[in-house]
């Protein structure tokens, strides 16, 4: 082909390859230096402050009373979350039911327990005997088959579980309902066309897919529940905060004992956070969200900024 002839249509045109240059983020470097400087000041102040009495913290970190309160805190967290999750699933299914009575009952429950403070609910459960001295089962307006003394039936531990668990169920109901509604309704129609019952469809098709949406907020609720158990101090149940309060009311070492409680809360929430991340990874395997997340983080680590076309190169 002579130099005067034009290249044929559609022939490749020689062009220089685009050189991707890492983006300089000078603002990030400045912010990083400032954060490191402030962190150094805070850490140095905490370590060198004699008023915090770190030796006392070490003495009481594994004290028998503190460990017993920690054990009760963990028991409250686990059982209350089980009550909350099971109750939330039941309430969410009721809330989505075409039966107006079931849907309305679930809506009233959620409205009532989310609309009143948790600390108020704990106190009401603890002093329920003032309104109902005895609780029983029987025929309405008829004979009573069995009854119990309310004070003996609802102990401080039971009142704590009722307050924490039933309150959590109201919040979990909205989380589960959002997860169920995130699944394409066409799958429900397809399952119905195949003759699957509503319960089997929910158990085998809807809930497994909804778990990807339900798991992250449920993990957050579990971490929140671990710290919320400290509210049972208002009814005197012996847990971590009551344990440290009992100790510093005797030796007046208030600050170091509060640090002891905070250290245990931080340790336990850190473990729960790691568990939550692993569960989220398990339920997001093979999804586009997992691939997109890995790609985005890889790009950030390499320092590149990608656009939608050739013009999306480095600045």
C-alpha atoms as a PDB file:
ATOM      1  CA  UNK A   1       0.000   0.000   0.000  1.00  0.00           C
ATOM      2  CA  UNK A   2       1.390   3.377  -0.996  1.00  0.00           C
ATOM      3  CA  UNK A   3       1.705   6.213   1.441  1.00  0.00           C
ATOM      4  CA  UNK A   4      -0.950   8.185  -0.446  1.00  0.00           C
ATOM      5  CA  UNK A   5      -3.588   5.523   0.000  1.00  0.00           C
ATOM      6  CA  UNK A   6      -5.886   5.714   3.045  1.00  0.00           C
ATOM      7  CA  UNK A   7      -6.091   2.659   5.285  1.00  0.00           C
ATOM      8  CA  UNK A   8      -9.112   0.436   4.689  1.00  0.00           C
ATOM      9  CA  UNK A   9     -12.163   0.981   6.801  1.00  0.00           C
ATOM     10  CA  UNK A  10     -12.099  -0.973  10.029  1.00  0.00           C
ATOM     11  CA  UNK A  11      -8.308  -1.479   9.990  1.00  0.00           C
ATOM     12  CA  UNK A  12      -6.629  -1.160  13.405  1.00  0.00           C
ATOM     13  CA  UNK A  13      -5.018   2.188  14.069  1.00  0.00           C
ATOM     14  CA  UNK A  14      -1.688   2.164  15.853  1.00  0.00           C
ATOM     15  CA  UNK A  15      -1.897   4.002  19.162  1.00  0.00           C
ATOM     16  CA  UNK A  16       0.286   4.282  22.181  1.00  0.00           C
ATOM     17  CA  UNK A  17      -0.801   2.092  25.119  1.00  0.00           C
ATOM     18  CA  UNK A  18      -2.345   3.938  28.012  1.00  0.00           C
ATOM     19  CA  UNK A  19       0.001   4.167  30.956  1.00  0.00           C
ATOM     20  CA  UNK A  20      -1.854   3.897  34.239  1.00  0.00           C
ATOM     21  CA  UNK A  21      -0.239   6.221  36.742  1.00  0.00           C
ATOM     22  CA  UNK A  22      -1.110   5.905  40.420  1.00  0.00           C
ATOM     23  CA  UNK A  23      -3.236   8.796  41.644  1.00  0.00           C
ATOM     24  CA  UNK A  24      -1.517  11.024  44.177  1.00  0.00           C
ATOM     25  CA  UNK A  25      -3.675  11.629  47.200  1.00  0.00           C
ATOM     26  CA  UNK A  26      -1.803  14.292  49.110  1.00  0.00           C
ATOM     27  CA  UNK A  27      -4.811  15.038  51.291  1.00  0.00           C
ATOM     28  CA  UNK A  28      -4.793  11.449  52.550  1.00  0.00           C
ATOM     29  CA  UNK A  29      -1.139  11.729  53.556  1.00  0.00           C
ATOM     30  CA  UNK A  30      -1.799  14.934  55.474  1.00  0.00           C
ATOM     31  CA  UNK A  31      -4.872  13.433  57.175  1.00  0.00           C
ATOM     32  CA  UNK A  32      -2.891  10.293  58.042  1.00  0.00           C
ATOM     33  CA  UNK A  33      -0.109  12.292  59.685  1.00  0.00           C
ATOM     34  CA  UNK A  34      -2.628  14.322  61.691  1.00  0.00           C
ATOM     35  CA  UNK A  35      -4.444  11.181  62.842  1.00  0.00           C
ATOM     36  CA  UNK A  36      -1.192   9.480  63.876  1.00  0.00           C
ATOM     37  CA  UNK A  37      -0.136  12.574  65.826  1.00  0.00           C
ATOM     38  CA  UNK A  38      -3.485  12.778  67.660  1.00  0.00           C
ATOM     39  CA  UNK A  39      -3.437   9.021  68.328  1.00  0.00           C
ATOM     40  CA  UNK A  40       0.055   9.317  69.821  1.00  0.00           C
ATOM     41  CA  UNK A  41      -1.081  12.109  72.135  1.00  0.00           C
ATOM     42  CA  UNK A  42      -4.164  10.178  73.291  1.00  0.00           C
ATOM     43  CA  UNK A  43      -2.303   6.875  73.841  1.00  0.00           C
ATOM     44  CA  UNK A  44       0.538   8.609  75.703  1.00  0.00           C
ATOM     45  CA  UNK A  45      -1.952  10.465  77.908  1.00  0.00           C
ATOM     46  CA  UNK A  46      -3.841   7.251  78.736  1.00  0.00           C
ATOM     47  CA  UNK A  47      -0.692   5.273  79.519  1.00  0.00           C
ATOM     48  CA  UNK A  48       1.023   7.938  81.641  1.00  0.00           C
ATOM     49  CA  UNK A  49      -2.053   9.102  83.552  1.00  0.00           C
ATOM     50  CA  UNK A  50      -1.601   7.873  87.129  1.00  0.00           C
ATOM     51  CA  UNK A  51      -5.260   8.599  87.952  1.00  0.00           C
ATOM     52  CA  UNK A  52      -6.312   5.647  85.761  1.00  0.00           C
ATOM     53  CA  UNK A  53      -4.472   3.255  88.108  1.00  0.00           C
ATOM     54  CA  UNK A  54      -3.539   0.566  85.577  1.00  0.00           C
ATOM     55  CA  UNK A  55      -2.139  -1.804  88.254  1.00  0.00           C
ATOM     56  CA  UNK A  56      -5.601  -1.880  89.852  1.00  0.00           C
ATOM     57  CA  UNK A  57      -7.111  -2.712  86.451  1.00  0.00           C
ATOM     58  CA  UNK A  58      -4.757  -5.667  86.174  1.00  0.00           C
ATOM     59  CA  UNK A  59      -5.625  -6.831  89.692  1.00  0.00           C
ATOM     60  CA  UNK A  60      -9.383  -6.920  89.038  1.00  0.00           C
ATOM     61  CA  UNK A  61      -9.410  -7.964  85.369  1.00  0.00           C
ATOM     62  CA  UNK A  62      -9.734 -11.635  86.318  1.00  0.00           C
ATOM     63  CA  UNK A  63     -11.395 -11.188  89.684  1.00  0.00           C
ATOM     64  CA  UNK A  64     -13.954 -13.906  90.477  1.00  0.00           C
ATOM     65  CA  UNK A  65     -16.799 -11.407  90.807  1.00  0.00           C
ATOM     66  CA  UNK A  66     -15.948  -9.746  87.502  1.00  0.00           C
ATOM     67  CA  UNK A  67     -15.741 -13.105  85.711  1.00  0.00           C
ATOM     68  CA  UNK A  68     -19.069 -14.193  87.207  1.00  0.00           C
ATOM     69  CA  UNK A  69     -20.679 -10.973  85.996  1.00  0.00           C
ATOM     70  CA  UNK A  70     -19.088 -11.517  82.585  1.00  0.00           C
ATOM     71  CA  UNK A  71     -20.532 -15.025  82.444  1.00  0.00           C
ATOM     72  CA  UNK A  72     -24.025 -13.739  83.248  1.00  0.00           C
ATOM     73  CA  UNK A  73     -23.648 -11.048  80.590  1.00  0.00           C
ATOM     74  CA  UNK A  74     -22.805 -13.646  77.943  1.00  0.00           C
ATOM     75  CA  UNK A  75     -25.708 -15.868  79.028  1.00  0.00           C
ATOM     76  CA  UNK A  76     -28.118 -12.929  78.800  1.00  0.00           C
ATOM     77  CA  UNK A  77     -26.768 -11.984  75.364  1.00  0.00           C
ATOM     78  CA  UNK A  78     -27.081 -15.474  73.873  1.00  0.00           C
ATOM     79  CA  UNK A  79     -30.542 -16.312  75.219  1.00  0.00           C
ATOM     80  CA  UNK A  80     -31.975 -12.837  74.542  1.00  0.00           C
ATOM     81  CA  UNK A  81     -30.739 -12.926  70.936  1.00  0.00           C
ATOM     82  CA  UNK A  82     -32.239 -16.394  70.443  1.00  0.00           C
ATOM     83  CA  UNK A  83     -35.565 -15.081  71.719  1.00  0.00           C
ATOM     84  CA  UNK A  84     -35.214 -12.004  69.528  1.00  0.00           C
ATOM     85  CA  UNK A  85     -34.310 -13.903  66.341  1.00  0.00           C
ATOM     86  CA  UNK A  86     -37.016 -16.566  66.692  1.00  0.00           C
ATOM     87  CA  UNK A  87     -39.595 -13.972  67.706  1.00  0.00           C
ATOM     88  CA  UNK A  88     -38.486 -11.673  64.887  1.00  0.00           C
ATOM     89  CA  UNK A  89     -38.918 -14.405  62.258  1.00  0.00           C
ATOM     90  CA  UNK A  90     -42.386 -15.216  63.587  1.00  0.00           C
ATOM     91  CA  UNK A  91     -43.413 -11.555  63.689  1.00  0.00           C
ATOM     92  CA  UNK A  92     -42.035 -10.903  60.188  1.00  0.00           C
ATOM     93  CA  UNK A  93     -44.022 -13.818  58.743  1.00  0.00           C
ATOM     94  CA  UNK A  94     -47.125 -12.580  60.560  1.00  0.00           C
ATOM     95  CA  UNK A  95     -46.491  -9.030  59.335  1.00  0.00           C
ATOM     96  CA  UNK A  96     -46.357 -10.244  55.714  1.00  0.00           C
ATOM     97  CA  UNK A  97     -49.393 -12.507  56.095  1.00  0.00           C
ATOM     98  CA  UNK A  98     -52.467 -11.714  53.981  1.00  0.00           C
ATOM     99  CA  UNK A  99     -54.540 -12.316  57.132  1.00  0.00           C
ATOM    100  CA  UNK A 100     -55.303  -8.818  58.470  1.00  0.00           C
ATOM    101  CA  UNK A 101     -55.610 -10.045  62.072  1.00  0.00           C
ATOM    102  CA  UNK A 102     -52.154 -11.627  62.070  1.00  0.00           C
ATOM    103  CA  UNK A 103     -50.612  -8.691  60.246  1.00  0.00           C
ATOM    104  CA  UNK A 104     -52.298  -6.192  62.567  1.00  0.00           C
ATOM    105  CA  UNK A 105     -51.261  -8.068  65.724  1.00  0.00           C
ATOM    106  CA  UNK A 106     -47.626  -8.113  64.589  1.00  0.00           C
ATOM    107  CA  UNK A 107     -47.765  -4.420  63.703  1.00  0.00           C
ATOM    108  CA  UNK A 108     -49.152  -3.520  67.142  1.00  0.00           C
ATOM    109  CA  UNK A 109     -46.465  -5.602  68.865  1.00  0.00           C
ATOM    110  CA  UNK A 110     -43.676  -3.909  66.898  1.00  0.00           C
ATOM    111  CA  UNK A 111     -45.201  -0.474  67.515  1.00  0.00           C
ATOM    112  CA  UNK A 112     -45.494  -1.092  71.267  1.00  0.00           C
ATOM    113  CA  UNK A 113     -42.045  -2.555  71.936  1.00  0.00           C
ATOM    114  CA  UNK A 114     -40.174  -0.165  69.660  1.00  0.00           C
ATOM    115  CA  UNK A 115     -42.102   2.827  70.915  1.00  0.00           C
ATOM    116  CA  UNK A 116     -41.241   2.471  74.609  1.00  0.00           C
ATOM    117  CA  UNK A 117     -37.764   2.623  76.183  1.00  0.00           C
ATOM    118  CA  UNK A 118     -36.095  -0.691  76.951  1.00  0.00           C
ATOM    119  CA  UNK A 119     -35.236   0.412  80.475  1.00  0.00           C
ATOM    120  CA  UNK A 120     -38.945   1.040  81.110  1.00  0.00           C
ATOM    121  CA  UNK A 121     -39.835  -2.437  79.836  1.00  0.00           C
ATOM    122  CA  UNK A 122     -37.241  -4.015  82.134  1.00  0.00           C
ATOM    123  CA  UNK A 123     -38.683  -2.241  85.167  1.00  0.00           C
ATOM    124  CA  UNK A 124     -42.256  -3.210  84.203  1.00  0.00           C
ATOM    125  CA  UNK A 125     -41.339  -6.890  83.882  1.00  0.00           C
ATOM    126  CA  UNK A 126     -39.481  -6.805  87.180  1.00  0.00           C
ATOM    127  CA  UNK A 127     -42.423  -5.262  89.037  1.00  0.00           C
ATOM    128  CA  UNK A 128     -45.201  -7.042  87.147  1.00  0.00           C
ATOM    129  CA  UNK A 129     -46.418  -8.541  90.448  1.00  0.00           C
ATOM    130  CA  UNK A 130     -47.662  -5.106  91.501  1.00  0.00           C
ATOM    131  CA  UNK A 131     -50.283  -5.279  88.738  1.00  0.00           C
ATOM    132  CA  UNK A 132     -50.743  -9.062  88.503  1.00  0.00           C
ATOM    133  CA  UNK A 133     -49.915 -10.786  91.822  1.00  0.00           C
ATOM    134  CA  UNK A 134     -50.701 -14.190  90.301  1.00  0.00           C
ATOM    135  CA  UNK A 135     -50.502 -15.529  86.754  1.00  0.00           C
ATOM    136  CA  UNK A 136     -52.569 -18.514  85.688  1.00  0.00           C
ATOM    137  CA  UNK A 137     -53.982 -20.602  82.854  1.00  0.00           C
ATOM    138  CA  UNK A 138     -57.637 -21.484  82.476  1.00  0.00           C
ATOM    139  CA  UNK A 139     -60.862 -20.871  80.615  1.00  0.00           C
ATOM    140  CA  UNK A 140     -61.627 -17.175  80.013  1.00  0.00           C
ATOM    141  CA  UNK A 141     -64.329 -16.078  82.496  1.00  0.00           C
ATOM    142  CA  UNK A 142     -64.255 -19.640  83.802  1.00  0.00           C
ATOM    143  CA  UNK A 143     -62.271 -21.947  86.071  1.00  0.00           C
ATOM    144  CA  UNK A 144     -58.512 -21.556  86.447  1.00  0.00           C
ATOM    145  CA  UNK A 145     -56.495 -24.750  86.000  1.00  0.00           C
ATOM    146  CA  UNK A 146     -53.100 -23.655  87.314  1.00  0.00           C
ATOM    147  CA  UNK A 147     -51.594 -20.449  88.696  1.00  0.00           C
ATOM    148  CA  UNK A 148     -48.251 -19.181  89.960  1.00  0.00           C
ATOM    149  CA  UNK A 149     -47.054 -16.434  92.236  1.00  0.00           C
ATOM    150  CA  UNK A 150     -45.712 -13.720  89.914  1.00  0.00           C
ATOM    151  CA  UNK A 151     -42.760 -12.837  92.136  1.00  0.00           C
ATOM    152  CA  UNK A 152     -41.593 -16.450  92.147  1.00  0.00           C
ATOM    153  CA  UNK A 153     -42.278 -16.965  88.447  1.00  0.00           C
ATOM    154  CA  UNK A 154     -40.596 -13.790  87.169  1.00  0.00           C
ATOM    155  CA  UNK A 155     -37.219 -13.529  88.863  1.00  0.00           C
ATOM    156  CA  UNK A 156     -34.638 -10.869  88.045  1.00  0.00           C
ATOM    157  CA  UNK A 157     -33.088 -13.202  85.477  1.00  0.00           C
ATOM    158  CA  UNK A 158     -36.458 -13.933  83.852  1.00  0.00           C
ATOM    159  CA  UNK A 159     -37.378 -10.241  83.831  1.00  0.00           C
ATOM    160  CA  UNK A 160     -34.053  -9.468  82.145  1.00  0.00           C
ATOM    161  CA  UNK A 161     -34.659 -12.079  79.451  1.00  0.00           C
ATOM    162  CA  UNK A 162     -38.234 -10.932  78.847  1.00  0.00           C
ATOM    163  CA  UNK A 163     -37.225  -7.291  78.612  1.00  0.00           C
ATOM    164  CA  UNK A 164     -34.210  -7.811  76.357  1.00  0.00           C
ATOM    165  CA  UNK A 165     -35.566 -10.680  74.227  1.00  0.00           C
ATOM    166  CA  UNK A 166     -39.062  -9.364  73.526  1.00  0.00           C
ATOM    167  CA  UNK A 167     -37.742  -5.900  72.761  1.00  0.00           C
ATOM    168  CA  UNK A 168     -35.143  -7.338  70.376  1.00  0.00           C
ATOM    169  CA  UNK A 169     -37.842  -9.383  68.604  1.00  0.00           C
ATOM    170  CA  UNK A 170     -39.543  -6.156  67.510  1.00  0.00           C
ATOM    171  CA  UNK A 171     -36.366  -4.895  65.845  1.00  0.00           C
ATOM    172  CA  UNK A 172     -35.449  -8.272  64.357  1.00  0.00           C
ATOM    173  CA  UNK A 173     -38.940  -8.482  62.840  1.00  0.00           C
ATOM    174  CA  UNK A 174     -38.233  -5.446  60.665  1.00  0.00           C
ATOM    175  CA  UNK A 175     -34.800  -6.783  59.714  1.00  0.00           C
ATOM    176  CA  UNK A 176     -36.221 -10.160  58.681  1.00  0.00           C
ATOM    177  CA  UNK A 177     -39.133  -8.534  56.876  1.00  0.00           C
ATOM    178  CA  UNK A 178     -36.713  -6.393  54.849  1.00  0.00           C
ATOM    179  CA  UNK A 179     -34.666  -9.470  53.976  1.00  0.00           C
ATOM    180  CA  UNK A 180     -37.706 -11.444  52.852  1.00  0.00           C
ATOM    181  CA  UNK A 181     -38.975  -8.578  50.721  1.00  0.00           C
ATOM    182  CA  UNK A 182     -35.555  -8.273  49.048  1.00  0.00           C
ATOM    183  CA  UNK A 183     -36.095 -11.659  47.351  1.00  0.00           C
ATOM    184  CA  UNK A 184     -37.723 -11.467  43.933  1.00  0.00           C
ATOM    185  CA  UNK A 185     -41.447 -12.135  44.245  1.00  0.00           C
ATOM    186  CA  UNK A 186     -41.319 -14.174  41.042  1.00  0.00           C
ATOM    187  CA  UNK A 187     -39.622 -16.981  42.940  1.00  0.00           C
ATOM    188  CA  UNK A 188     -42.569 -17.166  45.309  1.00  0.00           C
ATOM    189  CA  UNK A 189     -44.929 -17.385  42.353  1.00  0.00           C
ATOM    190  CA  UNK A 190     -42.814 -20.080  40.716  1.00  0.00           C
ATOM    191  CA  UNK A 191     -42.769 -22.138  43.926  1.00  0.00           C
ATOM    192  CA  UNK A 192     -46.521 -21.768  44.225  1.00  0.00           C
ATOM    193  CA  UNK A 193     -46.935 -22.937  40.626  1.00  0.00           C
ATOM    194  CA  UNK A 194     -44.890 -26.038  41.478  1.00  0.00           C
ATOM    195  CA  UNK A 195     -47.286 -26.841  44.305  1.00  0.00           C
ATOM    196  CA  UNK A 196     -44.959 -25.956  47.195  1.00  0.00           C
ATOM    197  CA  UNK A 197     -46.654 -24.826  50.377  1.00  0.00           C
ATOM    198  CA  UNK A 198     -46.039 -21.341  51.720  1.00  0.00           C
ATOM    199  CA  UNK A 199     -44.115 -22.716  54.721  1.00  0.00           C
ATOM    200  CA  UNK A 200     -41.845 -24.916  52.574  1.00  0.00           C
ATOM    201  CA  UNK A 201     -41.251 -22.053  50.135  1.00  0.00           C
ATOM    202  CA  UNK A 202     -40.298 -19.771  52.978  1.00  0.00           C
ATOM    203  CA  UNK A 203     -37.958 -22.334  54.535  1.00  0.00           C
ATOM    204  CA  UNK A 204     -36.245 -23.624  51.396  1.00  0.00           C
ATOM    205  CA  UNK A 205     -36.279 -20.722  48.955  1.00  0.00           C
ATOM    206  CA  UNK A 206     -36.978 -17.342  50.542  1.00  0.00           C
ATOM    207  CA  UNK A 207     -35.081 -17.444  53.847  1.00  0.00           C
ATOM    208  CA  UNK A 208     -31.805 -18.905  52.446  1.00  0.00           C
ATOM    209  CA  UNK A 209     -31.596 -16.024  49.955  1.00  0.00           C
ATOM    210  CA  UNK A 210     -32.776 -13.424  52.456  1.00  0.00           C
ATOM    211  CA  UNK A 211     -29.964 -14.407  54.834  1.00  0.00           C
ATOM    212  CA  UNK A 212     -27.506 -12.336  52.798  1.00  0.00           C
ATOM    213  CA  UNK A 213     -29.505  -9.262  53.706  1.00  0.00           C
ATOM    214  CA  UNK A 214     -30.419 -10.363  57.235  1.00  0.00           C
ATOM    215  CA  UNK A 215     -26.975 -11.413  58.514  1.00  0.00           C
ATOM    216  CA  UNK A 216     -25.151  -8.013  58.604  1.00  0.00           C
ATOM    217  CA  UNK A 217     -27.780  -6.133  60.683  1.00  0.00           C
ATOM    218  CA  UNK A 218     -28.283  -9.216  62.866  1.00  0.00           C
ATOM    219  CA  UNK A 219     -24.584  -9.169  63.680  1.00  0.00           C
ATOM    220  CA  UNK A 220     -24.861  -5.510  64.592  1.00  0.00           C
ATOM    221  CA  UNK A 221     -27.865  -6.271  66.798  1.00  0.00           C
ATOM    222  CA  UNK A 222     -25.913  -9.017  68.584  1.00  0.00           C
ATOM    223  CA  UNK A 223     -23.033  -6.663  69.327  1.00  0.00           C
ATOM    224  CA  UNK A 224     -25.516  -4.047  70.486  1.00  0.00           C
ATOM    225  CA  UNK A 225     -27.268  -6.617  72.689  1.00  0.00           C
ATOM    226  CA  UNK A 226     -23.987  -7.457  74.414  1.00  0.00           C
ATOM    227  CA  UNK A 227     -23.688  -3.844  75.530  1.00  0.00           C
ATOM    228  CA  UNK A 228     -27.411  -3.354  76.132  1.00  0.00           C
ATOM    229  CA  UNK A 229     -27.373  -6.054  78.815  1.00  0.00           C
ATOM    230  CA  UNK A 230     -25.774  -3.447  81.074  1.00  0.00           C
ATOM    231  CA  UNK A 231     -29.232  -1.847  81.391  1.00  0.00           C
ATOM    232  CA  UNK A 232     -30.370  -4.679  83.675  1.00  0.00           C
ATOM    233  CA  UNK A 233     -28.454  -2.818  86.373  1.00  0.00           C
ATOM    234  CA  UNK A 234     -31.736  -0.951  86.995  1.00  0.00           C
ATOM    235  CA  UNK A 235     -33.363  -4.138  88.319  1.00  0.00           C
ATOM    236  CA  UNK A 236     -30.252  -5.342  90.135  1.00  0.00           C
ATOM    237  CA  UNK A 237     -29.451  -8.499  88.172  1.00  0.00           C
ATOM    238  CA  UNK A 238     -25.801  -9.450  88.664  1.00  0.00           C
ATOM    239  CA  UNK A 239     -23.940  -8.935  85.390  1.00  0.00           C
ATOM    240  CA  UNK A 240     -20.664  -7.261  84.437  1.00  0.00           C
ATOM    241  CA  UNK A 241     -21.614  -3.674  85.258  1.00  0.00           C
ATOM    242  CA  UNK A 242     -23.279  -4.658  88.534  1.00  0.00           C
ATOM    243  CA  UNK A 243     -20.154  -6.639  89.418  1.00  0.00           C
ATOM    244  CA  UNK A 244     -17.790  -3.688  88.980  1.00  0.00           C
ATOM    245  CA  UNK A 245     -20.244  -1.346  90.722  1.00  0.00           C
ATOM    246  CA  UNK A 246     -20.362  -3.710  93.698  1.00  0.00           C
ATOM    247  CA  UNK A 247     -16.571  -3.726  93.903  1.00  0.00           C
ATOM    248  CA  UNK A 248     -15.940   0.017  93.545  1.00  0.00           C
ATOM    249  CA  UNK A 249     -18.685   0.805  96.049  1.00  0.00           C
ATOM    250  CA  UNK A 250     -16.492  -1.011  98.583  1.00  0.00           C
ATOM    251  CA  UNK A 251     -12.969   0.107  97.627  1.00  0.00           C
ATOM    252  CA  UNK A 252     -13.808   3.424  95.873  1.00  0.00           C
ATOM    253  CA  UNK A 253     -11.628   2.515  92.863  1.00  0.00           C
ATOM    254  CA  UNK A 254     -14.269   3.750  90.440  1.00  0.00           C
ATOM    255  CA  UNK A 255     -12.209   4.672  87.376  1.00  0.00           C
ATOM    256  CA  UNK A 256     -10.009   1.552  87.131  1.00  0.00           C
ATOM    257  CA  UNK A 257     -12.990  -0.756  87.623  1.00  0.00           C
ATOM    258  CA  UNK A 258     -14.960   1.021  84.920  1.00  0.00           C
ATOM    259  CA  UNK A 259     -11.929   0.571  82.660  1.00  0.00           C
ATOM    260  CA  UNK A 260     -11.969  -3.131  83.570  1.00  0.00           C
ATOM    261  CA  UNK A 261     -15.588  -3.439  82.434  1.00  0.00           C
ATOM    262  CA  UNK A 262     -14.878  -1.457  79.252  1.00  0.00           C
ATOM    263  CA  UNK A 263     -11.904  -3.705  78.456  1.00  0.00           C
ATOM    264  CA  UNK A 264     -14.047  -6.833  78.689  1.00  0.00           C
ATOM    265  CA  UNK A 265     -16.796  -5.266  76.547  1.00  0.00           C
ATOM    266  CA  UNK A 266     -14.225  -4.288  73.900  1.00  0.00           C
ATOM    267  CA  UNK A 267     -12.717  -7.777  73.927  1.00  0.00           C
ATOM    268  CA  UNK A 268     -16.077  -9.499  73.478  1.00  0.00           C
ATOM    269  CA  UNK A 269     -17.344  -7.104  70.795  1.00  0.00           C
ATOM    270  CA  UNK A 270     -14.093  -7.607  68.873  1.00  0.00           C
ATOM    271  CA  UNK A 271     -14.633 -11.368  68.867  1.00  0.00           C
ATOM    272  CA  UNK A 272     -18.240 -10.941  67.740  1.00  0.00           C
ATOM    273  CA  UNK A 273     -17.119  -8.603  64.954  1.00  0.00           C
ATOM    274  CA  UNK A 274     -14.665 -11.201  63.612  1.00  0.00           C
ATOM    275  CA  UNK A 275     -17.375 -13.880  63.732  1.00  0.00           C
ATOM    276  CA  UNK A 276     -19.797 -11.571  61.918  1.00  0.00           C
ATOM    277  CA  UNK A 277     -17.286 -10.901  59.131  1.00  0.00           C
ATOM    278  CA  UNK A 278     -16.684 -14.627  58.615  1.00  0.00           C
ATOM    279  CA  UNK A 279     -20.414 -15.379  58.491  1.00  0.00           C
ATOM    280  CA  UNK A 280     -20.978 -12.568  55.989  1.00  0.00           C
ATOM    281  CA  UNK A 281     -18.202 -13.943  53.773  1.00  0.00           C
ATOM    282  CA  UNK A 282     -19.773 -17.397  53.876  1.00  0.00           C
ATOM    283  CA  UNK A 283     -23.216 -16.174  52.818  1.00  0.00           C
ATOM    284  CA  UNK A 284     -21.847 -13.845  50.115  1.00  0.00           C
ATOM    285  CA  UNK A 285     -19.718 -16.468  48.353  1.00  0.00           C
ATOM    286  CA  UNK A 286     -20.293 -16.567  44.621  1.00  0.00           C
ATOM    287  CA  UNK A 287     -22.313 -13.358  44.526  1.00  0.00           C
ATOM    288  CA  UNK A 288     -21.567 -10.287  42.432  1.00  0.00           C
ATOM    289  CA  UNK A 289     -21.314  -8.262  45.622  1.00  0.00           C
ATOM    290  CA  UNK A 290     -18.317 -10.331  46.790  1.00  0.00           C
ATOM    291  CA  UNK A 291     -16.555  -9.939  43.422  1.00  0.00           C
ATOM    292  CA  UNK A 292     -17.255  -6.200  43.304  1.00  0.00           C
ATOM    293  CA  UNK A 293     -16.006  -5.746  46.847  1.00  0.00           C
ATOM    294  CA  UNK A 294     -12.747  -7.597  46.152  1.00  0.00           C
ATOM    295  CA  UNK A 295     -12.188  -5.629  42.931  1.00  0.00           C
ATOM    296  CA  UNK A 296     -12.840  -2.316  44.641  1.00  0.00           C
ATOM    297  CA  UNK A 297     -10.453  -3.047  47.504  1.00  0.00           C
ATOM    298  CA  UNK A 298      -7.779  -4.316  45.106  1.00  0.00           C
ATOM    299  CA  UNK A 299      -8.010  -1.076  43.160  1.00  0.00           C
ATOM    300  CA  UNK A 300      -7.720   0.986  46.308  1.00  0.00           C
ATOM    301  CA  UNK A 301      -4.668  -0.963  47.459  1.00  0.00           C
ATOM    302  CA  UNK A 302      -2.961  -0.381  44.091  1.00  0.00           C
ATOM    303  CA  UNK A 303      -3.866   3.295  44.153  1.00  0.00           C
ATOM    304  CA  UNK A 304      -5.626   3.331  40.765  1.00  0.00           C
ATOM    305  CA  UNK A 305      -8.804   5.104  39.809  1.00  0.00           C
ATOM    306  CA  UNK A 306     -10.769   3.338  37.076  1.00  0.00           C
ATOM    307  CA  UNK A 307     -13.333   4.943  34.835  1.00  0.00           C
ATOM    308  CA  UNK A 308     -15.923   3.629  32.416  1.00  0.00           C
ATOM    309  CA  UNK A 309     -13.696   4.057  29.361  1.00  0.00           C
ATOM    310  CA  UNK A 310     -10.272   5.119  28.105  1.00  0.00           C
ATOM    311  CA  UNK A 311     -10.800   8.543  29.604  1.00  0.00           C
ATOM    312  CA  UNK A 312     -10.979   6.977  33.065  1.00  0.00           C
ATOM    313  CA  UNK A 313      -7.182   6.870  33.372  1.00  0.00           C
ATOM    314  CA  UNK A 314      -5.081   8.572  35.974  1.00  0.00           C
ATOM    315  CA  UNK A 315      -5.248  12.275  36.480  1.00  0.00           C
END
